Amino acid sequence: MNWSIWILEYGYVARFPASNLFAAQPNEGHRRMPYCFGLLRSADRCVLVDTGFADPAIHDRLTAKYGETRWRDPVDVLARVGGRAEEVDTVLLTHNHFDHAGRVDAFDAAHVHIQRREIESYLAATARPARFEFLTRSCQADLPQQLATRPATLVDGVAEVADGVELRPAHDTHTAGSQLVAVTNDADGTWVFAGDNVYSYENLEGIGGDGVLAPIAMTTGSAAAWLDFADDLLAGVGGETRRILPFHEAAVWDRFPSTVFDDGLHVAEVSLAGGHPSVVSAGRWAP
């Protein structure tokens, strides 16, 4: 089995504080932080890894907080590479945060998969007193209700959802029920969508490439749990960090063939299966 794999950027924050990306690293300045989702295509399947979000109120809030930002509806971004919302048959959610699950409603023909632990932990957190609001602050509040009224699977642990596509739990790390999406091609091996368990390649390669694992800062789990997770993640790809696909890392435009559009948003082409045309070959290469 071979899947074409793309990373599609639907927004960015031009100057995002690195202290929000790396635990206990207050003096690392700022990073350009993309907001992305993944697209998988086979001969007869169209799968999204996360959905992004499109909410003008949140766009305005993030712009007021961080300065320059840019946003497009993920449905429009999908159309840039020839995709249509009604074609999407499956949505794989790495976790329940607004910037990953906020556009599920646009893909109403798709079967959604998310870890049961993620939904049950969110519902339990909503029942706690207001002082525990940190646990739900970034969540897509109506996701449980959406899942109850459409085709959806609450996954318990490891699950193969298509030939060569496997969900792997990453519990008690970024969120209580986070999961990875591993895509294995006959032609070029395994690629892993890490959700927000990897913001930057520096989380895995070390700040400035020093080789020391740098735990993510925004997490409901522990740094110790994340370190064990990251070590296992790296072992699973033979230490090749390029095989880890983050959704908030501008370096993906340099590590993979990519193109940038007039509004500054990018598409990276990770793997191209036979029969699918390149979506970046006719575009302008990213710097």
Protein backbone atom coordinates (compact mmCIF):
# COMPACT_ATOMS: atom_id res chain seq x y z
CA MET A 1 0.00 0.00 0.00
CA ASN A 2 1.21 3.52 -0.79
CA TRP A 3 -0.27 6.81 0.35
CA SER A 4 0.46 10.29 -0.85
CA ILE A 5 1.09 12.53 2.15
CA TRP A 6 0.88 16.31 2.39
CA ILE A 7 1.05 18.88 5.18
CA LEU A 8 -1.26 21.83 4.52
CA GLU A 9 -0.82 25.14 6.32
CA TYR A 10 -4.05 27.05 6.99
CA GLY A 11 -2.63 29.77 9.22
CA TYR A 12 0.39 31.05 11.08
CA VAL A 13 1.53 33.24 13.93
CA ALA A 14 4.56 35.24 12.82
CA ARG A 15 6.16 35.59 16.28
CA PHE A 16 5.12 32.87 18.69
CA PRO A 17 6.97 32.74 22.03
CA ALA A 18 9.27 29.75 22.17
CA SER A 19 8.64 29.51 25.92
CA ASN A 20 5.23 28.08 24.95
CA LEU A 21 6.91 25.36 22.89
CA PHE A 22 9.74 24.19 25.15
CA ALA A 23 9.42 23.53 28.87
CA ALA A 24 11.73 25.57 31.13
CA GLN A 25 13.26 27.50 28.22
CA PRO A 26 12.32 31.16 28.86
CA ASN A 27 15.03 32.79 26.73
CA GLU A 28 14.63 31.20 23.29
CA GLY A 29 12.88 34.16 21.65
CA HIS A 30 10.15 33.58 19.10
CA ARG A 31 9.37 31.21 16.24
CA ARG A 32 7.13 31.48 13.19
CA MET A 33 4.47 28.93 14.10
CA PRO A 34 2.32 27.38 11.37
CA TYR A 35 -1.09 25.85 11.97
CA CYS A 36 -1.48 22.77 9.76
CA PHE A 37 -3.38 19.57 9.06
CA GLY A 38 -2.46 16.43 7.12
CA LEU A 39 -3.87 14.96 3.92
CA LEU A 40 -3.53 11.30 2.90
CA ARG A 41 -4.62 9.98 -0.49
CA SER A 42 -4.61 6.46 -1.87
CA ALA A 43 -6.14 5.25 -5.11
CA ASP A 44 -9.63 5.36 -3.58
CA ARG A 45 -9.37 7.02 -0.16
CA CYS A 46 -9.11 10.59 1.12
CA VAL A 47 -8.17 10.98 4.78
CA LEU A 48 -7.48 14.03 6.91
CA VAL A 49 -5.27 14.05 9.97
CA ASP A 50 -6.92 16.80 12.03
CA THR A 51 -9.10 19.49 10.49
CA GLY A 52 -7.83 22.87 11.63
CA PHE A 53 -10.34 25.56 12.57
CA ALA A 54 -12.04 28.60 11.06
CA ASP A 55 -13.38 31.04 13.65
CA PRO A 56 -13.01 34.79 13.12
CA ALA A 57 -13.31 35.47 16.85
CA ILE A 58 -10.35 33.15 17.59
CA HIS A 59 -8.40 34.60 14.65
CA ASP A 60 -8.87 38.08 16.14
CA ARG A 61 -7.98 36.93 19.64
CA LEU A 62 -4.74 35.28 18.49
CA THR A 63 -3.81 38.32 16.41
CA ALA A 64 -4.39 40.62 19.37
CA LYS A 65 -2.27 38.36 21.56
CA TYR A 66 0.64 37.59 19.24
CA GLY A 67 0.68 40.25 16.52
CA GLU A 68 0.85 39.32 12.84
CA THR A 69 -1.17 36.24 11.90
CA ARG A 70 -2.73 34.86 8.71
CA TRP A 71 -5.72 32.52 8.40
CA ARG A 72 -7.71 30.63 5.74
CA ASP A 73 -10.55 28.18 6.10
CA PRO A 74 -9.06 24.63 5.90
CA VAL A 75 -11.75 23.77 3.34
CA ASP A 76 -10.31 26.44 1.02
CA VAL A 77 -6.77 25.24 1.70
CA LEU A 78 -7.79 21.69 0.79
CA ALA A 79 -9.20 23.01 -2.50
CA ARG A 80 -5.77 24.46 -3.33
CA VAL A 81 -4.45 20.93 -3.78
CA GLY A 82 -7.51 19.68 -5.63
CA GLY A 83 -9.44 18.31 -2.66
CA ARG A 84 -13.12 18.73 -1.83
CA ALA A 85 -14.71 18.43 1.58
CA GLU A 86 -17.24 15.88 0.36
CA GLU A 87 -14.41 13.59 -0.83
CA VAL A 88 -12.99 13.17 2.67
CA ASP A 89 -14.09 9.75 3.94
CA THR A 90 -12.11 9.65 7.20
CA VAL A 91 -10.90 12.16 9.77
CA LEU A 92 -8.26 11.11 12.31
CA LEU A 93 -8.07 13.52 15.25
CA THR A 94 -4.80 13.54 17.17
CA HIS A 95 -6.54 15.28 20.09
CA ASN A 96 -9.45 17.52 21.03
CA HIS A 97 -8.08 21.04 20.73
CA PHE A 98 -9.81 23.73 18.71
CA ASP A 99 -7.00 24.15 16.19
CA HIS A 100 -7.04 20.42 15.42
CA ALA A 101 -10.72 19.48 15.75
CA GLY A 102 -12.43 22.80 15.12
CA ARG A 103 -13.48 22.15 11.53
CA VAL A 104 -14.86 18.61 11.89
CA ASP A 105 -18.28 19.97 10.94
CA ALA A 106 -17.06 20.82 7.42
CA PHE A 107 -16.38 17.15 6.65
CA ASP A 108 -19.75 15.69 7.51
CA ALA A 109 -19.40 12.69 5.18
CA ALA A 110 -16.29 11.50 7.01
CA HIS A 111 -15.98 8.86 9.73
CA VAL A 112 -14.12 10.38 12.68
CA HIS A 113 -11.65 8.47 14.87
CA ILE A 114 -10.35 9.75 18.20
CA GLN A 115 -9.18 8.03 21.37
CA ARG A 116 -11.99 7.22 23.81
CA ARG A 117 -9.73 8.38 26.63
CA GLU A 118 -9.52 11.84 25.04
CA ILE A 119 -13.28 12.33 24.98
CA GLU A 120 -13.97 10.77 28.38
CA SER A 121 -11.19 12.81 30.01
CA TYR A 122 -12.56 16.00 28.45
CA LEU A 123 -16.09 15.28 29.71
CA ALA A 124 -14.74 14.54 33.18
CA ALA A 125 -12.78 17.79 33.17
CA THR A 126 -15.87 19.81 32.23
CA ALA A 127 -17.60 18.48 35.35
CA ARG A 128 -14.90 19.84 37.64
CA PRO A 129 -15.07 23.26 39.34
CA ALA A 130 -14.20 26.39 37.37
CA ARG A 131 -10.73 26.54 38.94
CA PHE A 132 -9.76 23.52 36.76
CA GLU A 133 -10.53 25.41 33.53
CA PHE A 134 -6.93 24.92 32.35
CA LEU A 135 -7.85 21.34 31.42
CA THR A 136 -10.52 22.45 28.94
CA ARG A 137 -9.29 25.88 27.83
CA SER A 138 -8.11 24.88 24.36
CA CYS A 139 -10.69 22.17 23.67
CA GLN A 140 -13.35 22.07 20.97
CA ALA A 141 -16.31 22.23 23.33
CA ASP A 142 -18.94 20.69 21.08
CA LEU A 143 -16.85 17.79 19.77
CA PRO A 144 -18.53 15.10 21.95
CA GLN A 145 -21.94 16.23 20.72
CA GLN A 146 -20.77 16.20 17.10
CA LEU A 147 -19.39 12.69 17.44
CA ALA A 148 -22.69 11.47 18.88
CA THR A 149 -24.61 12.51 15.76
CA ARG A 150 -22.33 11.25 12.97
CA PRO A 151 -20.24 8.20 12.05
CA ALA A 152 -17.48 8.09 14.66
CA THR A 153 -15.30 5.62 16.53
CA LEU A 154 -13.89 6.12 20.00
CA VAL A 155 -10.67 4.14 19.76
CA ASP A 156 -9.25 2.10 22.61
CA GLY A 157 -5.48 2.07 22.14
CA VAL A 158 -3.83 0.89 18.93
CA ALA A 159 -6.09 0.58 15.89
CA GLU A 160 -5.54 0.03 12.18
CA VAL A 161 -8.04 2.27 10.39
CA ALA A 162 -6.90 1.60 6.81
CA ASP A 163 -4.25 -0.46 5.08
CA GLY A 164 -0.98 1.08 6.26
CA VAL A 165 -2.62 3.65 8.59
CA GLU A 166 -2.41 2.98 12.32
CA LEU A 167 -3.51 4.97 15.36
CA ARG A 168 -1.15 4.77 18.34
CA PRO A 169 -2.02 6.12 21.79
CA ALA A 170 0.13 8.81 23.40
CA HIS A 171 -1.82 9.15 26.61
CA ASP A 172 -1.02 11.60 29.41
CA THR A 173 1.32 13.66 27.28
CA HIS A 174 0.03 16.80 25.51
CA THR A 175 -3.49 15.73 26.45
CA ALA A 176 -4.95 12.83 28.39
CA GLY A 177 -5.88 10.89 25.26
CA SER A 178 -3.56 12.13 22.53
CA GLN A 179 -2.75 9.78 19.67
CA LEU A 180 -0.28 9.48 16.81
CA VAL A 181 -1.09 8.59 13.22
CA ALA A 182 1.49 6.28 11.62
CA VAL A 183 1.41 5.88 7.84
CA THR A 184 3.49 3.06 6.35
CA ASN A 185 4.17 2.93 2.62
CA ASP A 186 5.70 0.04 0.74
CA ALA A 187 7.81 2.52 -1.19
CA ASP A 188 9.28 4.74 1.53
CA GLY A 189 8.50 3.32 4.96
CA THR A 190 6.78 4.86 7.96
CA TRP A 191 5.82 8.49 8.61
CA VAL A 192 4.30 9.62 11.90
CA PHE A 193 1.96 12.55 12.51
CA ALA A 194 2.77 13.56 16.07
CA GLY A 195 -0.10 15.93 16.81
CA ASP A 196 1.04 18.49 19.37
CA ASN A 197 3.42 16.10 21.06
CA VAL A 198 6.07 17.59 18.78
CA TYR A 199 5.80 21.31 18.15
CA SER A 200 9.25 21.71 16.71
CA TYR A 201 12.01 19.40 15.55
CA GLU A 202 13.97 20.98 18.39
CA ASN A 203 11.76 19.07 20.84
CA LEU A 204 13.40 15.91 19.48
CA GLU A 205 16.78 17.18 18.26
CA GLY A 206 17.47 19.57 21.14
CA ILE A 207 17.51 23.35 21.37
CA GLY A 208 19.93 24.47 18.70
CA GLY A 209 20.47 20.81 17.79
CA ASP A 210 22.25 19.90 21.04
CA GLY A 211 20.71 16.41 21.08
CA VAL A 212 18.96 16.83 24.44
CA LEU A 213 15.22 16.11 24.33
CA ALA A 214 13.28 19.32 25.02
CA PRO A 215 9.83 18.51 26.46
CA ILE A 216 6.84 20.40 25.12
CA ALA A 217 5.67 23.24 27.37
CA MET A 218 1.91 23.10 26.79
CA THR A 219 0.78 19.79 28.26
CA THR A 220 -1.65 18.27 30.72
CA GLY A 221 0.67 15.32 31.27
CA SER A 222 4.15 15.30 32.76
CA ALA A 223 7.56 16.06 31.31
CA ALA A 224 8.70 12.60 32.43
CA ALA A 225 5.88 10.92 30.51
CA TRP A 226 6.70 12.98 27.45
CA LEU A 227 10.39 12.07 27.59
CA ASP A 228 9.57 8.35 27.58
CA PHE A 229 7.06 8.95 24.77
CA ALA A 230 9.63 10.87 22.69
CA ASP A 231 12.29 8.23 23.20
CA ASP A 232 9.90 5.51 22.00
CA LEU A 233 8.79 7.68 19.09
CA LEU A 234 12.36 8.16 17.91
CA ALA A 235 13.16 4.47 18.31
CA GLY A 236 10.16 3.63 16.14
CA VAL A 237 11.55 5.62 13.20
CA GLY A 238 15.17 4.62 13.67
CA GLY A 239 16.09 8.05 15.00
CA GLU A 240 15.16 9.75 11.71
CA THR A 241 13.45 12.89 12.96
CA ARG A 242 12.44 13.81 9.40
CA ARG A 243 9.93 10.94 9.59
CA ILE A 244 8.07 12.78 12.35
CA LEU A 245 5.52 15.22 10.93
CA PRO A 246 4.70 18.17 13.24
CA PHE A 247 1.85 20.60 12.57
CA HIS A 248 3.45 23.69 14.16
CA GLU A 249 6.95 23.57 12.63
CA ALA A 250 8.06 25.95 9.88
CA ALA A 251 11.10 23.76 9.12
CA VAL A 252 8.89 21.25 7.30
CA TRP A 253 8.90 23.65 4.32
CA ASP A 254 12.69 23.17 4.12
CA ARG A 255 12.80 19.44 4.85
CA PHE A 256 10.26 18.49 2.17
CA PRO A 257 9.41 19.77 -1.31
CA SER A 258 7.03 22.64 -0.71
CA THR A 259 5.41 25.67 -2.22
CA VAL A 260 4.25 28.97 -0.78
CA PHE A 261 1.14 30.82 -1.94
CA ASP A 262 0.64 34.55 -2.31
CA ASP A 263 -0.85 34.79 1.19
CA GLY A 264 2.26 33.21 2.74
CA LEU A 265 0.71 29.81 3.44
CA HIS A 266 2.55 26.63 2.46
CA VAL A 267 2.02 23.06 1.34
CA ALA A 268 4.67 20.38 1.92
CA GLU A 269 4.73 17.16 -0.10
CA VAL A 270 6.02 14.38 2.14
CA SER A 271 5.39 11.37 -0.09
CA LEU A 272 3.90 10.96 -3.54
CA ALA A 273 2.26 7.66 -4.46
CA GLY A 274 1.99 6.46 -8.03
CA GLY A 275 -0.79 8.09 -9.99
CA HIS A 276 -1.01 11.29 -7.94
CA PRO A 277 0.35 14.46 -9.52
CA SER A 278 2.66 16.67 -7.48
CA VAL A 279 0.90 19.66 -5.95
CA VAL A 280 4.13 21.60 -5.51
CA SER A 281 6.03 21.03 -8.77
CA ALA A 282 4.16 23.79 -10.60
CA GLY A 283 4.27 26.22 -7.69
CA ARG A 284 6.89 28.50 -6.23
CA TRP A 285 9.36 26.73 -4.01
CA ALA A 286 9.36 27.79 -0.40
CA PRO A 287 12.54 29.47 0.86
